[in-house]
C-alpha atoms as a PDB file:
ATOM      1  CA  LEU A   1     101.502  88.950  91.683  1.00  0.00           C
ATOM      2  CA  GLU A   2     103.231  91.527  94.199  1.00  0.00           C
ATOM      3  CA  LEU A   3     101.195  91.402  97.415  1.00  0.00           C
ATOM      4  CA  GLY A   4     103.421  93.722  99.292  1.00  0.00           C
ATOM      5  CA  PRO A   5     107.095  94.925  99.415  1.00  0.00           C
ATOM      6  CA  ASP A   6     108.309  91.739 100.425  1.00  0.00           C
ATOM      7  CA  THR A   7     105.560  89.086  98.975  1.00  0.00           C
ATOM      8  CA  VAL A   8     105.471  87.854  95.431  1.00  0.00           C
ATOM      9  CA  VAL A   9     103.588  85.065  93.985  1.00  0.00           C
ATOM     10  CA  THR A  10     104.356  83.663  90.558  1.00  0.00           C
ATOM     11  CA  LEU A  11     101.851  81.743  88.665  1.00  0.00           C
ATOM     12  CA  ASN A  12     102.634  78.946  86.395  1.00  0.00           C
ATOM     13  CA  GLU A  13     100.903  78.205  82.839  1.00  0.00           C
ATOM     14  CA  LYS A  14      97.013  77.713  83.277  1.00  0.00           C
ATOM     15  CA  SER A  15      96.951  78.519  87.044  1.00  0.00           C
ATOM     16  CA  GLU A  16      94.217  80.157  88.833  1.00  0.00           C
ATOM     17  CA  VAL A  17      93.916  81.889  92.137  1.00  0.00           C
ATOM     18  CA  GLN A  18      91.640  83.711  94.324  1.00  0.00           C
ATOM     19  CA  LEU A  19      93.111  86.883  96.371  1.00  0.00           C
ATOM     20  CA  GLY A  20      91.735  87.899  99.624  1.00  0.00           C
ATOM     21  CA  VAL A  21      92.890  89.414 103.200  1.00  0.00           C
ATOM     22  CA  ARG A  22      92.460  87.944 106.381  1.00  0.00           C
ATOM     23  CA  ARG A  23      91.360  90.501 109.083  1.00  0.00           C
ATOM     24  CA  PRO A  24      92.216  91.947 111.664  1.00  0.00           C
ATOM     25  CA  ALA A  25      95.978  91.599 110.639  1.00  0.00           C
ATOM     26  CA  GLU A  26      95.520  92.416 106.989  1.00  0.00           C
ATOM     27  CA  THR A  27      97.201  89.247 105.994  1.00  0.00           C
ATOM     28  CA  PRO A  28      97.160  88.435 102.481  1.00  0.00           C
ATOM     29  CA  VAL A  29      95.459  85.195 101.291  1.00  0.00           C
ATOM     30  CA  VAL A  30      96.124  83.300  98.076  1.00  0.00           C
ATOM     31  CA  GLN A  31      93.962  80.326  97.295  1.00  0.00           C
ATOM     32  CA  LEU A  32      95.125  77.893  94.586  1.00  0.00           C
ATOM     33  CA  GLU A  33      92.296  76.810  92.408  1.00  0.00           C
ATOM     34  CA  SER A  34      93.998  75.135  89.631  1.00  0.00           C
ATOM     35  CA  GLY A  35      97.642  75.024  88.359  1.00  0.00           C
ATOM     36  CA  SER A  36     100.527  75.721  90.283  1.00  0.00           C
ATOM     37  CA  MET A  37     102.549  78.672  91.997  1.00  0.00           C
ATOM     38  CA  LYS A  38     105.509  79.764  93.510  1.00  0.00           C
ATOM     39  CA  VAL A  39     105.430  82.138  96.705  1.00  0.00           C
ATOM     40  CA  LEU A  40     108.574  84.310  98.063  1.00  0.00           C
ATOM     41  CA  ALA A  41     107.270  85.842 101.396  1.00  0.00           C
ATOM     42  CA  ALA A  42     109.142  87.613 104.169  1.00  0.00           C
ATOM     43  CA  SER A  43     106.374  88.598 105.900  1.00  0.00           C
ATOM     44  CA  ASP A  44     102.977  86.672 106.799  1.00  0.00           C
ATOM     45  CA  ILE A  45     101.039  85.165 104.060  1.00  0.00           C
ATOM     46  CA  LEU A  46      98.076  82.610 104.162  1.00  0.00           C
ATOM     47  CA  ILE A  47      98.244  79.926 101.197  1.00  0.00           C
ATOM     48  CA  THR A  48      95.173  77.806 100.644  1.00  0.00           C
ATOM     49  CA  THR A  49      94.077  75.125  98.370  1.00  0.00           C
ATOM     50  CA  LYS A  50      90.774  73.246  97.974  1.00  0.00           C
ATOM     51  CA  ASP A  51      91.324  71.391 101.116  1.00  0.00           C
ATOM     52  CA  THR A  52      94.444  72.427 102.671  1.00  0.00           C
ATOM     53  CA  VAL A  53      95.802  75.468 104.765  1.00  0.00           C
ATOM     54  CA  LEU A  54      99.412  76.286 104.761  1.00  0.00           C
ATOM     55  CA  GLU A  55     100.507  78.953 107.176  1.00  0.00           C
ATOM     56  CA  PRO A  56     104.211  80.446 107.433  1.00  0.00           C
ATOM     57  CA  ASP A  57     106.198  78.765 110.487  1.00  0.00           C
ATOM     58  CA  ALA A  58     109.585  80.139 109.703  1.00  0.00           C
ATOM     59  CA  GLN A  59     110.760  83.034 107.413  1.00  0.00           C
ATOM     60  CA  PRO A  60     111.580  84.036 104.572  1.00  0.00           C
ATOM     61  CA  LEU A  61     109.610  81.530 102.765  1.00  0.00           C
ATOM     62  CA  ASP A  62     110.147  80.079  99.413  1.00  0.00           C
ATOM     63  CA  LEU A  63     107.935  77.258  98.217  1.00  0.00           C
ATOM     64  CA  GLU A  64     106.034  75.702  95.337  1.00  0.00           C
ATOM     65  CA  VAL A  65     102.604  74.528  95.740  1.00  0.00           C
ATOM     66  CA  GLY A  66     100.341  72.983  93.003  1.00  0.00           C
ATOM     67  CA  TYR A  67      98.209  70.115  91.727  1.00  0.00           C
ATOM     68  CA  GLN A  68      99.812  67.291  89.516  1.00  0.00           C
ATOM     69  CA  ALA A  69      97.179  64.590  88.463  1.00  0.00           C
ATOM     70  CA  ASN A  70      94.684  66.067  90.886  1.00  0.00           C
ATOM     71  CA  LYS A  71      97.081  65.621  93.665  1.00  0.00           C
ATOM     72  CA  LEU A  72      98.348  68.436  95.829  1.00  0.00           C
ATOM     73  CA  TYR A  73     102.279  68.692  95.987  1.00  0.00           C
ATOM     74  CA  VAL A  74     104.046  71.192  98.409  1.00  0.00           C
ATOM     75  CA  THR A  75     107.931  71.901  98.147  1.00  0.00           C
ATOM     76  CA  VAL A  76     109.485  74.343 100.617  1.00  0.00           C
ATOM     77  CA  PHE A  77     112.902  75.497  99.461  1.00  0.00           C
ATOM     78  CA  SER A  78     113.509  77.599 102.392  1.00  0.00           C
ATOM     79  CA  GLY A  79     111.511  78.614 105.480  1.00  0.00           C
ATOM     80  CA  ALA A  80     108.779  76.680 106.814  1.00  0.00           C
ATOM     81  CA  VAL A  81     104.998  76.251 106.703  1.00  0.00           C
ATOM     82  CA  ARG A  82     102.454  74.502 109.001  1.00  0.00           C
ATOM     83  CA  ASN A  83      99.291  72.526 108.381  1.00  0.00           C
ATOM     84  CA  GLY A  84      97.525  71.817 111.511  1.00  0.00           C
ATOM     85  CA  GLN A  85     100.468  69.931 113.657  1.00  0.00           C
ATOM     86  CA  MET A  86     102.393  69.102 110.527  1.00  0.00           C
ATOM     87  CA  VAL A  87     105.304  71.357 109.596  1.00  0.00           C
ATOM     88  CA  ILE A  88     107.161  71.138 106.207  1.00  0.00           C
ATOM     89  CA  ARG A  89     110.615  72.599 106.408  1.00  0.00           C
ATOM     90  CA  GLY A  90     112.892  73.703 103.653  1.00  0.00           C
ATOM     91  CA  ASN A  91     116.673  73.618 103.782  1.00  0.00           C
ATOM     92  CA  GLN A  92     117.699  75.566 106.739  1.00  0.00           C
ATOM     93  CA  ASP A  93     121.700  75.234 105.895  1.00  0.00           C
ATOM     94  CA  PRO A  94     122.705  76.713 102.857  1.00  0.00           C
ATOM     95  CA  THR A  95     125.933  74.746 103.109  1.00  0.00           C
ATOM     96  CA  VAL A  96     124.120  71.482 102.810  1.00  0.00           C
ATOM     97  CA  ARG A  97     123.330  70.319  99.241  1.00  0.00           C
ATOM     98  CA  THR A  98     120.862  67.540  98.072  1.00  0.00           C
ATOM     99  CA  TYR A  99     122.195  65.068  95.500  1.00  0.00           C
ATOM    100  CA  THR A 100     120.242  63.186  92.977  1.00  0.00           C
ATOM    101  CA  ALA A 101     120.401  59.294  92.489  1.00  0.00           C
ATOM    102  CA  GLY A 102     123.027  58.470  89.994  1.00  0.00           C
ATOM    103  CA  GLY A 103     124.648  61.817  90.446  1.00  0.00           C
ATOM    104  CA  THR A 104     128.393  62.340  91.568  1.00  0.00           C
ATOM    105  CA  LEU A 105     128.899  62.990  95.113  1.00  0.00           C
ATOM    106  CA  PRO A 106     131.780  65.809  96.147  1.00  0.00           C
ATOM    107  CA  GLN A 107     135.053  64.706  97.539  1.00  0.00           C
ATOM    108  CA  ARG A 108     135.224  64.473 101.152  1.00  0.00           C
ATOM    109  CA  ASN A 109     138.574  64.481 102.977  1.00  0.00           C
ATOM    110  CA  GLY A 110     140.463  63.736 100.107  1.00  0.00           C
ATOM    111  CA  PHE A 111     138.515  60.641  99.369  1.00  0.00           C
ATOM    112  CA  GLU A 112     136.113  60.266  96.218  1.00  0.00           C
ATOM    113  CA  ARG A 113     132.649  58.806  97.133  1.00  0.00           C
ATOM    114  CA  LYS A 114     131.353  56.238  94.999  1.00  0.00           C
END
């Protein structure tokens, strides 16, 4: 769903959302009812679920939000979202990489990490 020139919401299979606008700023509102979605936004957008409101705290925003076994999950890849006093930030430094357990680590200063 393209909600503006710089805001795209991609729904995963079997996902349901409600769309609206928060006035007076005409901010798009996307409420996830079921399933999951990915949001890419360079401008304001309000993301809501059954019991959570996520507002952008840093942009551009790239996140995925959804339900798994009736529990909400939020993954922020870049930017940040706020839920009350809590802020969830994505990776702000593209030179920093995350490695999975059991993966290989890069060489540093000529030494291989094991």
